[in-house]
Amino acid sequence: MKWFGKNIDPKCEYCALGQLSFDQEKVLCSKRGVVDPWYRCRRFSYDPLKRQPAAAPAIPIYSKEDFEI
């Protein structure tokens, strides 16, 4: 996935015109008011700093027996 590409799926969750509400369930948009995070409109302006990176995968725990031949 390209973070700064032109093929970003528009969502108000990471729009420059919106801010997440205190409970993080709605977006407070300066143009549309209170909307859902997955809502989108034609005034979408991408702000890459609002994107949340995916969680890192868990590191497996190996035992000494895993490395024996």
N, C-alpha and C. Protein backbone atom coordinates (compact mmCIF):
# COMPACT_ATOMS: atom_id res chain seq x y z
N MET A 1 0.85 -1.18 0.00
CA MET A 1 0.00 0.00 0.00
C MET A 1 0.89 1.24 0.00
N LYS A 2 0.57 2.17 -0.83
CA LYS A 2 1.35 3.40 -0.89
C LYS A 2 0.70 4.46 0.01
N TRP A 3 1.50 5.01 0.90
CA TRP A 3 0.98 6.00 1.85
C TRP A 3 0.81 7.36 1.20
N PHE A 4 1.65 7.70 0.26
CA PHE A 4 1.60 9.02 -0.33
C PHE A 4 1.18 8.96 -1.80
N GLY A 5 0.64 7.85 -2.25
CA GLY A 5 0.23 7.70 -3.64
C GLY A 5 -1.09 8.40 -3.93
N LYS A 6 -1.46 8.37 -5.20
CA LYS A 6 -2.71 9.00 -5.62
C LYS A 6 -3.89 8.05 -5.56
N ASN A 7 -3.66 6.80 -5.20
CA ASN A 7 -4.74 5.81 -5.15
C ASN A 7 -5.18 5.53 -3.71
N ILE A 8 -5.27 6.54 -2.89
CA ILE A 8 -5.71 6.42 -1.50
C ILE A 8 -7.24 6.36 -1.48
N ASP A 9 -7.78 5.38 -0.76
CA ASP A 9 -9.23 5.26 -0.60
C ASP A 9 -9.69 6.37 0.35
N PRO A 10 -10.50 7.34 -0.13
CA PRO A 10 -10.87 8.47 0.73
C PRO A 10 -11.75 8.05 1.91
N LYS A 11 -11.37 8.49 3.08
CA LYS A 11 -12.14 8.29 4.31
C LYS A 11 -11.97 9.54 5.15
N CYS A 12 -13.01 9.96 5.82
CA CYS A 12 -12.92 11.15 6.67
C CYS A 12 -12.01 10.91 7.87
N GLU A 13 -11.72 9.67 8.15
CA GLU A 13 -10.84 9.34 9.28
C GLU A 13 -9.46 9.97 9.13
N TYR A 14 -8.96 10.10 7.90
CA TYR A 14 -7.66 10.72 7.67
C TYR A 14 -7.74 11.86 6.68
N CYS A 15 -8.78 12.64 6.77
CA CYS A 15 -8.95 13.84 5.96
C CYS A 15 -8.39 15.04 6.73
N ALA A 16 -7.82 15.99 6.01
CA ALA A 16 -7.24 17.17 6.64
C ALA A 16 -8.33 18.08 7.23
N LEU A 17 -9.56 17.96 6.76
CA LEU A 17 -10.64 18.82 7.24
C LEU A 17 -11.36 18.28 8.47
N GLY A 18 -11.05 17.06 8.87
CA GLY A 18 -11.76 16.45 9.99
C GLY A 18 -10.86 16.12 11.16
N GLN A 19 -11.49 15.97 12.32
CA GLN A 19 -10.80 15.56 13.54
C GLN A 19 -11.62 14.46 14.19
N LEU A 20 -10.94 13.45 14.73
CA LEU A 20 -11.65 12.41 15.46
C LEU A 20 -12.25 12.98 16.72
N SER A 21 -13.44 12.54 17.05
CA SER A 21 -14.08 13.00 18.28
C SER A 21 -13.38 12.39 19.49
N PHE A 22 -13.77 12.82 20.67
CA PHE A 22 -13.13 12.37 21.90
C PHE A 22 -13.26 10.86 22.08
N ASP A 23 -14.43 10.29 21.74
CA ASP A 23 -14.63 8.85 21.88
C ASP A 23 -14.09 8.05 20.70
N GLN A 24 -13.54 8.71 19.69
CA GLN A 24 -12.91 8.12 18.51
C GLN A 24 -13.87 7.28 17.68
N GLU A 25 -15.18 7.56 17.76
CA GLU A 25 -16.16 6.83 16.96
C GLU A 25 -16.74 7.69 15.84
N LYS A 26 -16.58 8.98 15.89
CA LYS A 26 -17.09 9.90 14.87
C LYS A 26 -15.99 10.88 14.48
N VAL A 27 -16.18 11.53 13.34
CA VAL A 27 -15.25 12.54 12.87
C VAL A 27 -15.97 13.87 12.84
N LEU A 28 -15.32 14.91 13.36
CA LEU A 28 -15.88 16.25 13.36
C LEU A 28 -15.31 16.98 12.14
N CYS A 29 -16.14 17.10 11.10
CA CYS A 29 -15.71 17.68 9.84
C CYS A 29 -16.07 19.17 9.81
N SER A 30 -15.15 19.98 9.30
CA SER A 30 -15.41 21.42 9.23
C SER A 30 -16.41 21.76 8.12
N LYS A 31 -16.64 20.86 7.18
CA LYS A 31 -17.57 21.11 6.07
C LYS A 31 -18.90 20.40 6.24
N ARG A 32 -18.89 19.16 6.76
CA ARG A 32 -20.10 18.34 6.85
C ARG A 32 -20.65 18.15 8.25
N GLY A 33 -19.91 18.53 9.27
CA GLY A 33 -20.36 18.33 10.64
C GLY A 33 -19.89 16.99 11.18
N VAL A 34 -20.72 16.31 11.95
CA VAL A 34 -20.37 15.03 12.55
C VAL A 34 -20.69 13.92 11.55
N VAL A 35 -19.66 13.14 11.19
CA VAL A 35 -19.82 12.05 10.22
C VAL A 35 -19.11 10.81 10.73
N ASP A 36 -19.37 9.68 10.08
CA ASP A 36 -18.69 8.43 10.40
C ASP A 36 -17.26 8.46 9.87
N PRO A 37 -16.34 7.69 10.47
CA PRO A 37 -14.94 7.70 10.02
C PRO A 37 -14.77 7.19 8.59
N TRP A 38 -15.64 6.31 8.11
CA TRP A 38 -15.51 5.77 6.76
C TRP A 38 -16.28 6.59 5.73
N TYR A 39 -16.95 7.64 6.15
CA TYR A 39 -17.67 8.52 5.23
C TYR A 39 -16.67 9.26 4.35
N ARG A 40 -17.09 9.65 3.16
CA ARG A 40 -16.23 10.44 2.28
C ARG A 40 -17.08 11.43 1.51
N CYS A 41 -16.48 12.55 1.18
CA CYS A 41 -17.17 13.55 0.38
C CYS A 41 -16.20 14.09 -0.67
N ARG A 42 -16.66 14.97 -1.52
CA ARG A 42 -15.81 15.47 -2.60
C ARG A 42 -14.77 16.47 -2.12
N ARG A 43 -14.86 16.93 -0.90
CA ARG A 43 -13.88 17.87 -0.35
C ARG A 43 -12.74 17.17 0.38
N PHE A 44 -12.62 15.86 0.18
CA PHE A 44 -11.58 15.08 0.83
C PHE A 44 -10.20 15.61 0.49
N SER A 45 -9.41 15.83 1.52
CA SER A 45 -8.02 16.28 1.37
C SER A 45 -7.16 15.39 2.25
N TYR A 46 -6.33 14.58 1.63
CA TYR A 46 -5.56 13.56 2.34
C TYR A 46 -4.50 14.17 3.24
N ASP A 47 -4.46 13.72 4.49
CA ASP A 47 -3.44 14.12 5.45
C ASP A 47 -2.72 12.86 5.90
N PRO A 48 -1.51 12.59 5.39
CA PRO A 48 -0.82 11.34 5.72
C PRO A 48 -0.45 11.20 7.19
N LEU A 49 -0.40 12.28 7.93
CA LEU A 49 -0.04 12.20 9.35
C LEU A 49 -1.18 11.65 10.21
N LYS A 50 -2.38 11.58 9.67
CA LYS A 50 -3.52 11.06 10.43
C LYS A 50 -3.70 9.56 10.25
N ARG A 51 -2.95 8.93 9.35
CA ARG A 51 -3.07 7.49 9.14
C ARG A 51 -2.43 6.76 10.32
N GLN A 52 -3.10 5.71 10.78
CA GLN A 52 -2.57 4.87 11.85
C GLN A 52 -1.92 3.65 11.21
N PRO A 53 -0.66 3.39 11.50
CA PRO A 53 -0.01 2.21 10.91
C PRO A 53 -0.62 0.92 11.47
N ALA A 54 -0.55 -0.12 10.67
CA ALA A 54 -1.05 -1.43 11.11
C ALA A 54 -0.18 -1.95 12.25
N ALA A 55 -0.77 -2.72 13.12
CA ALA A 55 -0.04 -3.27 14.25
C ALA A 55 1.01 -4.26 13.75
N ALA A 56 2.14 -4.28 14.40
CA ALA A 56 3.21 -5.20 14.04
C ALA A 56 2.80 -6.62 14.41
N PRO A 57 3.18 -7.59 13.59
CA PRO A 57 2.83 -8.97 13.93
C PRO A 57 3.57 -9.42 15.18
N ALA A 58 2.96 -10.33 15.90
CA ALA A 58 3.55 -10.84 17.14
C ALA A 58 4.81 -11.64 16.83
N ILE A 59 5.81 -11.48 17.64
CA ILE A 59 7.06 -12.21 17.47
C ILE A 59 6.90 -13.58 18.10
N PRO A 60 7.14 -14.65 17.32
CA PRO A 60 6.99 -15.99 17.90
C PRO A 60 8.06 -16.27 18.95
N ILE A 61 7.69 -17.05 19.93
CA ILE A 61 8.61 -17.43 20.99
C ILE A 61 9.14 -18.83 20.67
N TYR A 62 10.44 -18.94 20.50
CA TYR A 62 11.07 -20.21 20.18
C TYR A 62 11.69 -20.82 21.42
N SER A 63 11.71 -22.13 21.44
CA SER A 63 12.39 -22.85 22.52
C SER A 63 13.71 -23.40 22.00
N LYS A 64 14.52 -23.92 22.91
CA LYS A 64 15.81 -24.48 22.53
C LYS A 64 15.63 -25.70 21.61
N GLU A 65 14.56 -26.44 21.79
CA GLU A 65 14.29 -27.64 20.99
C GLU A 65 14.00 -27.29 19.53
N ASP A 66 13.55 -26.10 19.26
CA ASP A 66 13.26 -25.70 17.89
C ASP A 66 14.52 -25.59 17.03
N PHE A 67 15.67 -25.42 17.66
CA PHE A 67 16.91 -25.23 16.93
C PHE A 67 17.81 -26.47 16.94
N GLU A 68 17.31 -27.57 17.45
CA GLU A 68 18.10 -28.81 17.45
C GLU A 68 17.86 -29.58 16.17
N ILE A 69 18.90 -30.31 15.75
CA ILE A 69 18.77 -31.14 14.55
C ILE A 69 18.45 -32.55 14.95
